[in-house]
């Protein structure tokens, strides 16, 4: 299962983060929940900035899976 490999192995290996996954109710995807997100402890945003650096992780995972030949 791809979501399990990404959440348990990939997140630990590349981000040193613990993650879990669950299937979406529609059945067409998964949610990955990062428990100890390294971006929240090493980044500091100015007050009032609407940026969410954690969104970068989703794009990286998607790009890696596409480059490995997996299309969702």
C-alpha atoms as a PDB file:
ATOM      1  CA  UNK A   1       0.000   0.000   0.000  1.00  0.00           C
ATOM      2  CA  UNK A   2       1.525   3.293  -1.113  1.00  0.00           C
ATOM      3  CA  UNK A   3      -0.002   5.472   1.624  1.00  0.00           C
ATOM      4  CA  UNK A   4       1.371   3.194   4.322  1.00  0.00           C
ATOM      5  CA  UNK A   5       4.859   3.206   2.803  1.00  0.00           C
ATOM      6  CA  UNK A   6       4.866   7.004   2.488  1.00  0.00           C
ATOM      7  CA  UNK A   7       3.501   7.635   5.976  1.00  0.00           C
ATOM      8  CA  UNK A   8       5.539   5.081   7.903  1.00  0.00           C
ATOM      9  CA  UNK A   9       8.777   4.766   5.959  1.00  0.00           C
ATOM     10  CA  UNK A  10       9.122   7.874   3.797  1.00  0.00           C
ATOM     11  CA  UNK A  11       8.229  10.462   6.424  1.00  0.00           C
ATOM     12  CA  UNK A  12      10.544   8.848   8.961  1.00  0.00           C
ATOM     13  CA  UNK A  13      13.403   8.453   6.494  1.00  0.00           C
ATOM     14  CA  UNK A  14      13.322  11.897   4.884  1.00  0.00           C
ATOM     15  CA  UNK A  15      11.807  14.148   7.570  1.00  0.00           C
ATOM     16  CA  UNK A  16      12.485  12.161  10.740  1.00  0.00           C
ATOM     17  CA  UNK A  17       8.774  12.583  11.456  1.00  0.00           C
ATOM     18  CA  UNK A  18       6.177  10.135  12.730  1.00  0.00           C
ATOM     19  CA  UNK A  19       3.074   9.961  10.536  1.00  0.00           C
ATOM     20  CA  UNK A  20      -0.160   7.991  10.237  1.00  0.00           C
ATOM     21  CA  UNK A  21      -2.536   7.587   7.297  1.00  0.00           C
ATOM     22  CA  UNK A  22      -6.237   7.036   6.742  1.00  0.00           C
ATOM     23  CA  UNK A  23      -8.376   6.573   3.661  1.00  0.00           C
ATOM     24  CA  UNK A  24     -10.653   9.406   2.574  1.00  0.00           C
ATOM     25  CA  UNK A  25     -14.391   8.682   2.825  1.00  0.00           C
ATOM     26  CA  UNK A  26     -14.776   9.057  -0.954  1.00  0.00           C
ATOM     27  CA  UNK A  27     -12.309   6.203  -1.397  1.00  0.00           C
ATOM     28  CA  UNK A  28     -10.140   8.083  -3.889  1.00  0.00           C
ATOM     29  CA  UNK A  29      -7.202   9.070  -1.716  1.00  0.00           C
ATOM     30  CA  UNK A  30      -5.540   9.196   1.682  1.00  0.00           C
ATOM     31  CA  UNK A  31      -4.741  11.688   4.388  1.00  0.00           C
ATOM     32  CA  UNK A  32      -1.322  11.587   5.995  1.00  0.00           C
ATOM     33  CA  UNK A  33      -1.098  13.133   9.468  1.00  0.00           C
ATOM     34  CA  UNK A  34       2.366  14.185  10.641  1.00  0.00           C
ATOM     35  CA  UNK A  35       2.646  14.011  14.419  1.00  0.00           C
ATOM     36  CA  UNK A  36       5.971  15.780  14.937  1.00  0.00           C
ATOM     37  CA  UNK A  37       6.327  18.094  11.943  1.00  0.00           C
ATOM     38  CA  UNK A  38       9.929  19.365  11.755  1.00  0.00           C
ATOM     39  CA  UNK A  39       8.824  22.475   9.864  1.00  0.00           C
ATOM     40  CA  UNK A  40       6.876  23.757  12.864  1.00  0.00           C
ATOM     41  CA  UNK A  41       9.895  23.634  15.157  1.00  0.00           C
ATOM     42  CA  UNK A  42      12.487  25.079  12.752  1.00  0.00           C
ATOM     43  CA  UNK A  43      10.517  27.826  10.987  1.00  0.00           C
ATOM     44  CA  UNK A  44       9.288  31.086  12.356  1.00  0.00           C
ATOM     45  CA  UNK A  45       6.777  33.168  10.416  1.00  0.00           C
ATOM     46  CA  UNK A  46       6.142  36.847  11.009  1.00  0.00           C
ATOM     47  CA  UNK A  47       2.838  37.557  12.779  1.00  0.00           C
ATOM     48  CA  UNK A  48      -0.151  37.791  10.452  1.00  0.00           C
ATOM     49  CA  UNK A  49       1.421  35.866   7.581  1.00  0.00           C
ATOM     50  CA  UNK A  50      -1.078  33.453   5.987  1.00  0.00           C
ATOM     51  CA  UNK A  51       1.642  31.070   4.743  1.00  0.00           C
ATOM     52  CA  UNK A  52       1.583  27.390   5.637  1.00  0.00           C
ATOM     53  CA  UNK A  53       4.997  25.874   4.949  1.00  0.00           C
ATOM     54  CA  UNK A  54       3.682  22.403   5.696  1.00  0.00           C
ATOM     55  CA  UNK A  55       1.871  22.456   2.338  1.00  0.00           C
ATOM     56  CA  UNK A  56       5.303  21.992   0.736  1.00  0.00           C
ATOM     57  CA  UNK A  57       5.419  18.426   2.074  1.00  0.00           C
ATOM     58  CA  UNK A  58       2.339  17.386   0.074  1.00  0.00           C
ATOM     59  CA  UNK A  59       3.819  18.737  -3.138  1.00  0.00           C
ATOM     60  CA  UNK A  60       7.113  16.957  -2.497  1.00  0.00           C
ATOM     61  CA  UNK A  61       5.397  13.625  -1.860  1.00  0.00           C
ATOM     62  CA  UNK A  62       3.281  14.019  -4.998  1.00  0.00           C
ATOM     63  CA  UNK A  63       6.322  14.900  -7.119  1.00  0.00           C
ATOM     64  CA  UNK A  64       8.328  11.961  -5.774  1.00  0.00           C
ATOM     65  CA  UNK A  65       5.530   9.490  -6.459  1.00  0.00           C
ATOM     66  CA  UNK A  66       5.064  10.809 -10.011  1.00  0.00           C
ATOM     67  CA  UNK A  67       8.798  10.581 -10.727  1.00  0.00           C
ATOM     68  CA  UNK A  68       8.728   6.985  -9.489  1.00  0.00           C
ATOM     69  CA  UNK A  69       6.026   6.195 -12.023  1.00  0.00           C
ATOM     70  CA  UNK A  70       3.009   6.149  -9.707  1.00  0.00           C
ATOM     71  CA  UNK A  71       0.000   8.077 -10.999  1.00  0.00           C
ATOM     72  CA  UNK A  72      -2.986   8.519  -8.721  1.00  0.00           C
END
